[in-house]
N, C-alpha and C. Protein backbone atom coordinates (compact mmCIF):
# COMPACT_ATOMS: atom_id res chain seq x y z
N ASP A 1 -6.85 16.90 0.26
CA ASP A 1 -5.82 17.55 -0.48
C ASP A 1 -6.66 17.87 -1.64
N LEU A 2 -7.44 19.10 -2.29
CA LEU A 2 -8.49 19.10 -3.37
C LEU A 2 -7.45 19.00 -4.65
N PRO A 3 -6.13 20.01 -4.34
CA PRO A 3 -4.92 20.42 -5.89
C PRO A 3 -4.78 18.66 -5.99
N ARG A 4 -4.04 18.05 -5.27
CA ARG A 4 -3.49 16.86 -5.54
C ARG A 4 -4.50 15.71 -5.90
N ALA A 5 -5.69 15.82 -5.47
CA ALA A 5 -7.39 15.51 -5.72
C ALA A 5 -7.65 15.07 -7.16
N THR A 6 -7.47 16.23 -7.64
CA THR A 6 -7.67 17.14 -9.17
C THR A 6 -6.59 17.25 -9.86
N ALA A 7 -5.83 16.91 -9.76
CA ALA A 7 -4.20 16.97 -10.55
C ALA A 7 -4.20 16.13 -11.72
N TRP A 8 -4.87 15.02 -11.85
CA TRP A 8 -5.08 14.21 -12.92
C TRP A 8 -5.77 15.07 -14.13
N HIS A 9 -7.34 16.05 -13.69
CA HIS A 9 -7.56 16.43 -14.72
C HIS A 9 -6.49 17.17 -15.55
N GLU A 10 -5.12 17.75 -14.97
CA GLU A 10 -4.59 18.93 -15.60
C GLU A 10 -3.42 17.54 -16.09
N ARG A 11 -3.25 16.20 -16.24
CA ARG A 11 -2.72 15.23 -16.77
C ARG A 11 -1.22 15.32 -15.67
N LYS A 12 -1.23 15.77 -14.75
CA LYS A 12 -0.14 15.93 -13.40
C LYS A 12 -0.56 14.49 -12.22
N LEU A 13 0.48 14.10 -12.18
CA LEU A 13 0.73 13.20 -11.14
C LEU A 13 1.15 13.86 -10.06
N ASP A 14 0.27 14.26 -9.08
CA ASP A 14 1.38 14.88 -7.90
C ASP A 14 1.28 13.43 -6.38
N PHE A 15 2.54 13.64 -6.28
CA PHE A 15 2.78 12.67 -4.33
C PHE A 15 3.41 13.65 -3.80
N ALA A 16 2.78 13.36 -2.49
CA ALA A 16 3.32 14.07 -1.44
C ALA A 16 3.63 12.86 -0.39
N ASP A 17 4.96 12.51 -0.07
CA ASP A 17 5.42 11.35 1.19
C ASP A 17 4.54 9.77 0.60
N THR A 18 4.71 9.70 -0.86
CA THR A 18 3.90 8.25 -1.38
C THR A 18 5.02 7.50 -1.49
N PRO A 19 4.49 6.51 -0.86
CA PRO A 19 4.98 5.16 -1.74
C PRO A 19 5.64 4.67 -2.49
N LEU A 20 6.78 4.43 -2.78
CA LEU A 20 7.33 4.51 -4.39
C LEU A 20 6.63 3.31 -4.98
N SER A 21 6.60 1.92 -4.28
CA SER A 21 5.49 1.31 -5.33
C SER A 21 4.23 1.84 -5.90
N ASP A 22 3.17 2.53 -4.84
CA ASP A 22 2.56 3.63 -5.20
C ASP A 22 2.25 4.41 -6.07
N ALA A 23 3.16 4.69 -6.15
CA ALA A 23 3.14 5.89 -6.94
C ALA A 23 3.63 5.63 -8.53
N ILE A 24 4.61 4.23 -8.59
CA ILE A 24 4.86 3.62 -9.48
C ILE A 24 3.41 3.36 -10.63
N ALA A 25 2.67 2.55 -9.94
CA ALA A 25 1.32 1.96 -9.95
C ALA A 25 0.57 3.08 -10.86
N GLU A 26 0.78 4.40 -9.99
CA GLU A 26 -0.50 5.15 -10.45
C GLU A 26 0.52 5.64 -11.92
N ALA A 27 1.39 6.26 -11.99
CA ALA A 27 1.70 6.39 -13.12
C ALA A 27 1.80 5.25 -14.54
N ASN A 28 1.53 4.27 -13.79
CA ASN A 28 1.43 3.39 -14.85
C ASN A 28 0.14 3.09 -15.66
N ARG A 29 -1.14 3.03 -14.72
CA ARG A 29 -2.11 3.76 -15.19
C ARG A 29 -2.17 4.90 -16.45
N TYR A 30 -1.26 5.36 -16.35
CA TYR A 30 -1.96 6.18 -17.35
C TYR A 30 -0.66 6.50 -18.94
N SER A 31 0.33 5.02 -18.71
CA SER A 31 1.15 4.90 -20.34
C SER A 31 1.47 3.14 -20.19
N ARG A 32 1.39 3.22 -21.82
CA ARG A 32 1.89 1.77 -22.11
C ARG A 32 3.13 1.54 -21.98
N ASP A 33 4.42 2.43 -21.75
CA ASP A 33 5.68 2.48 -21.34
C ASP A 33 5.29 1.98 -19.26
N GLN A 34 5.81 1.02 -19.11
CA GLN A 34 5.45 0.44 -17.44
C GLN A 34 6.85 0.78 -17.10
N VAL A 35 6.65 0.58 -16.56
CA VAL A 35 7.61 0.96 -15.19
C VAL A 35 7.57 -0.17 -13.61
N VAL A 36 8.85 -1.27 -14.15
CA VAL A 36 8.95 -2.22 -12.86
C VAL A 36 10.11 -1.87 -12.24
N LEU A 37 9.41 -2.08 -10.69
CA LEU A 37 10.40 -1.57 -9.58
C LEU A 37 11.12 -2.65 -9.35
N ASP A 38 12.35 -3.33 -8.94
CA ASP A 38 13.17 -4.54 -8.72
C ASP A 38 13.85 -4.16 -7.90
N ALA A 39 13.79 -3.02 -7.16
CA ALA A 39 14.98 -2.82 -6.02
C ALA A 39 14.53 -3.36 -4.48
N PRO A 40 14.39 -4.45 -4.29
CA PRO A 40 14.28 -4.38 -2.07
C PRO A 40 14.66 -3.27 -1.62
N ARG A 41 16.00 -2.41 -1.80
CA ARG A 41 16.49 -1.84 -1.25
C ARG A 41 15.18 -0.36 -1.04
N LEU A 42 14.44 -0.52 -2.10
CA LEU A 42 14.07 0.63 -2.38
C LEU A 42 12.46 0.39 -2.16
N GLN A 43 12.02 -0.22 -1.71
CA GLN A 43 10.76 -1.16 -1.27
C GLN A 43 9.90 -0.08 -0.41
N ASN A 44 10.53 0.55 0.65
CA ASN A 44 9.82 1.53 1.05
C ASN A 44 9.87 3.22 1.32
N ALA A 45 11.06 3.13 0.22
CA ALA A 45 11.17 4.50 -0.36
C ALA A 45 9.74 5.10 -0.46
N ARG A 46 9.94 6.43 -0.30
CA ARG A 46 8.80 7.63 -0.57
C ARG A 46 9.56 9.18 -1.18
N ILE A 47 7.86 9.23 -1.79
CA ILE A 47 8.88 10.60 -3.57
C ILE A 47 7.53 11.54 -2.95
N SER A 48 7.78 12.54 -3.42
CA SER A 48 7.02 13.42 -3.57
C SER A 48 7.39 14.49 -5.13
N GLY A 49 6.34 15.29 -5.34
CA GLY A 49 7.18 15.73 -6.72
C GLY A 49 5.42 15.07 -7.77
N VAL A 50 5.63 16.31 -8.16
CA VAL A 50 4.89 16.44 -9.84
C VAL A 50 5.22 16.14 -11.04
N PHE A 51 4.55 14.98 -11.45
CA PHE A 51 5.12 14.22 -13.00
C PHE A 51 3.81 14.47 -13.45
N GLU A 52 4.06 14.57 -15.26
CA GLU A 52 3.05 14.53 -16.30
C GLU A 52 2.60 13.44 -16.80
N ALA A 53 1.57 13.16 -16.24
CA ALA A 53 0.92 11.81 -16.80
C ALA A 53 1.21 11.38 -18.28
N GLY A 54 1.56 9.98 -18.27
CA GLY A 54 1.64 9.95 -19.34
C GLY A 54 2.73 10.07 -19.71
N ARG A 55 4.09 10.33 -19.45
CA ARG A 55 5.37 10.55 -19.69
C ARG A 55 6.10 10.13 -18.66
N ASN A 56 5.48 8.29 -18.62
CA ASN A 56 7.01 7.79 -17.73
C ASN A 56 7.91 7.81 -17.96
N ASP A 57 8.58 8.21 -18.55
CA ASP A 57 10.19 8.63 -19.65
C ASP A 57 10.30 9.63 -18.63
N LEU A 58 9.52 10.76 -18.23
CA LEU A 58 9.87 11.64 -17.59
C LEU A 58 9.76 11.74 -16.68
N PHE A 59 8.87 10.20 -15.82
CA PHE A 59 8.47 10.12 -14.57
C PHE A 59 10.06 9.07 -13.58
N VAL A 60 9.83 8.57 -14.61
CA VAL A 60 11.47 7.80 -14.54
C VAL A 60 12.76 9.00 -14.13
N GLU A 61 12.82 9.42 -14.99
CA GLU A 61 14.17 10.68 -15.39
C GLU A 61 13.90 11.41 -14.14
N GLY A 62 13.02 11.91 -13.22
CA GLY A 62 12.85 12.49 -12.18
C GLY A 62 12.64 11.49 -10.83
N LEU A 63 12.98 10.13 -11.28
CA LEU A 63 12.85 9.06 -9.79
C LEU A 63 14.41 9.30 -9.60
N GLN A 64 14.94 9.31 -10.95
CA GLN A 64 16.63 9.11 -10.86
C GLN A 64 17.26 10.44 -9.69
N ALA A 65 16.48 11.55 -10.16
CA ALA A 65 17.19 12.39 -9.12
C ALA A 65 16.55 12.50 -7.84
N LEU A 66 15.52 11.83 -7.62
CA LEU A 66 15.53 11.82 -6.25
C LEU A 66 15.73 10.62 -5.47
N VAL A 67 16.02 9.62 -5.78
CA VAL A 67 16.57 8.22 -5.36
C VAL A 67 17.59 7.79 -5.83
N ASP A 68 18.47 7.22 -5.40
CA ASP A 68 19.49 6.41 -6.10
C ASP A 68 19.23 5.18 -6.99
N LEU A 69 18.77 5.04 -7.91
CA LEU A 69 18.52 3.87 -8.72
C LEU A 69 18.76 3.52 -10.24
N HIS A 70 19.19 2.61 -10.53
CA HIS A 70 19.65 2.17 -12.52
C HIS A 70 18.52 1.81 -12.81
N VAL A 71 18.73 2.23 -14.21
CA VAL A 71 16.87 2.31 -14.54
C VAL A 71 17.91 1.25 -16.46
N ASP A 72 17.10 0.42 -16.58
CA ASP A 72 17.34 -0.40 -17.85
C ASP A 72 15.94 -0.29 -18.30
N ARG A 73 15.99 0.06 -20.21
CA ARG A 73 14.67 -0.27 -20.81
C ARG A 73 14.75 -1.65 -21.32
N THR A 74 13.35 -2.68 -21.96
CA THR A 74 13.76 -3.54 -21.73
C THR A 74 13.05 -3.95 -22.96
N ASP A 75 13.45 -4.74 -24.02
CA ASP A 75 13.42 -5.32 -25.43
C ASP A 75 11.52 -4.76 -25.60
N ASP A 76 11.17 -5.10 -24.58
CA ASP A 76 9.17 -4.56 -24.91
C ASP A 76 9.12 -3.49 -24.44
N GLY A 77 9.74 -2.10 -24.14
CA GLY A 77 10.00 -0.89 -24.06
C GLY A 77 9.42 -0.61 -22.16
N ARG A 78 9.43 -1.63 -21.53
CA ARG A 78 9.33 -1.07 -20.16
C ARG A 78 10.68 -0.67 -19.43
N PHE A 79 10.34 0.28 -18.01
CA PHE A 79 11.56 0.58 -17.57
C PHE A 79 11.76 -0.06 -16.73
N LEU A 80 12.68 -0.91 -16.44
CA LEU A 80 13.33 -1.82 -15.17
C LEU A 80 14.15 -1.02 -13.92
N LEU A 81 13.71 -0.79 -13.02
CA LEU A 81 14.44 -0.08 -12.21
C LEU A 81 14.90 -0.98 -11.28
N THR A 82 15.90 -0.64 -10.90
CA THR A 82 17.23 -1.82 -9.92
C THR A 82 18.01 -0.91 -8.76
N ASP A 83 18.49 -1.86 -8.47
CA ASP A 83 19.18 -0.90 -6.97
C ASP A 83 20.83 -0.79 -7.77
N ALA A 84 21.19 0.62 -7.61
CA ALA A 84 22.27 1.42 -8.17
C ALA A 84 23.48 0.48 -7.59
N PRO A 85 24.40 0.63 -9.62
CA PRO A 85 25.46 -0.05 -8.44
C PRO A 85 25.91 0.19 -7.55
N PRO A 86 27.04 -0.44 -6.37
CA PRO A 86 27.61 0.59 -4.82
C PRO A 86 28.60 1.43 -5.60
N ALA A 87 28.87 1.25 -6.34
CA ALA A 87 30.12 2.37 -6.78
C ALA A 87 29.16 3.92 -6.90
N SER A 88 28.29 3.88 -7.15
CA SER A 88 27.50 4.77 -7.84
C SER A 88 26.93 5.39 -6.12
N ARG A 89 26.35 4.73 -5.65
CA ARG A 89 26.01 5.10 -3.93
C ARG A 89 26.68 6.20 -2.98
């Protein structure tokens, strides 16, 4: 898929049925603010969408719209993704 393969030229990350862990690894390549997945329930989750490279804050915001997860910002600037509390599921 040529548009997906060249999306990075436009500073876009284009995912189609991509494993969440792979999408996070790709997003982390373009940002100092790293995303860490600590949610065993989501290990096999797959996502689709277009995100702005280098803006992991927006990437995480988009993930929250796609999958049920909880986000904490650590003291060192990382985004820690964990399973959402049972009440929000």
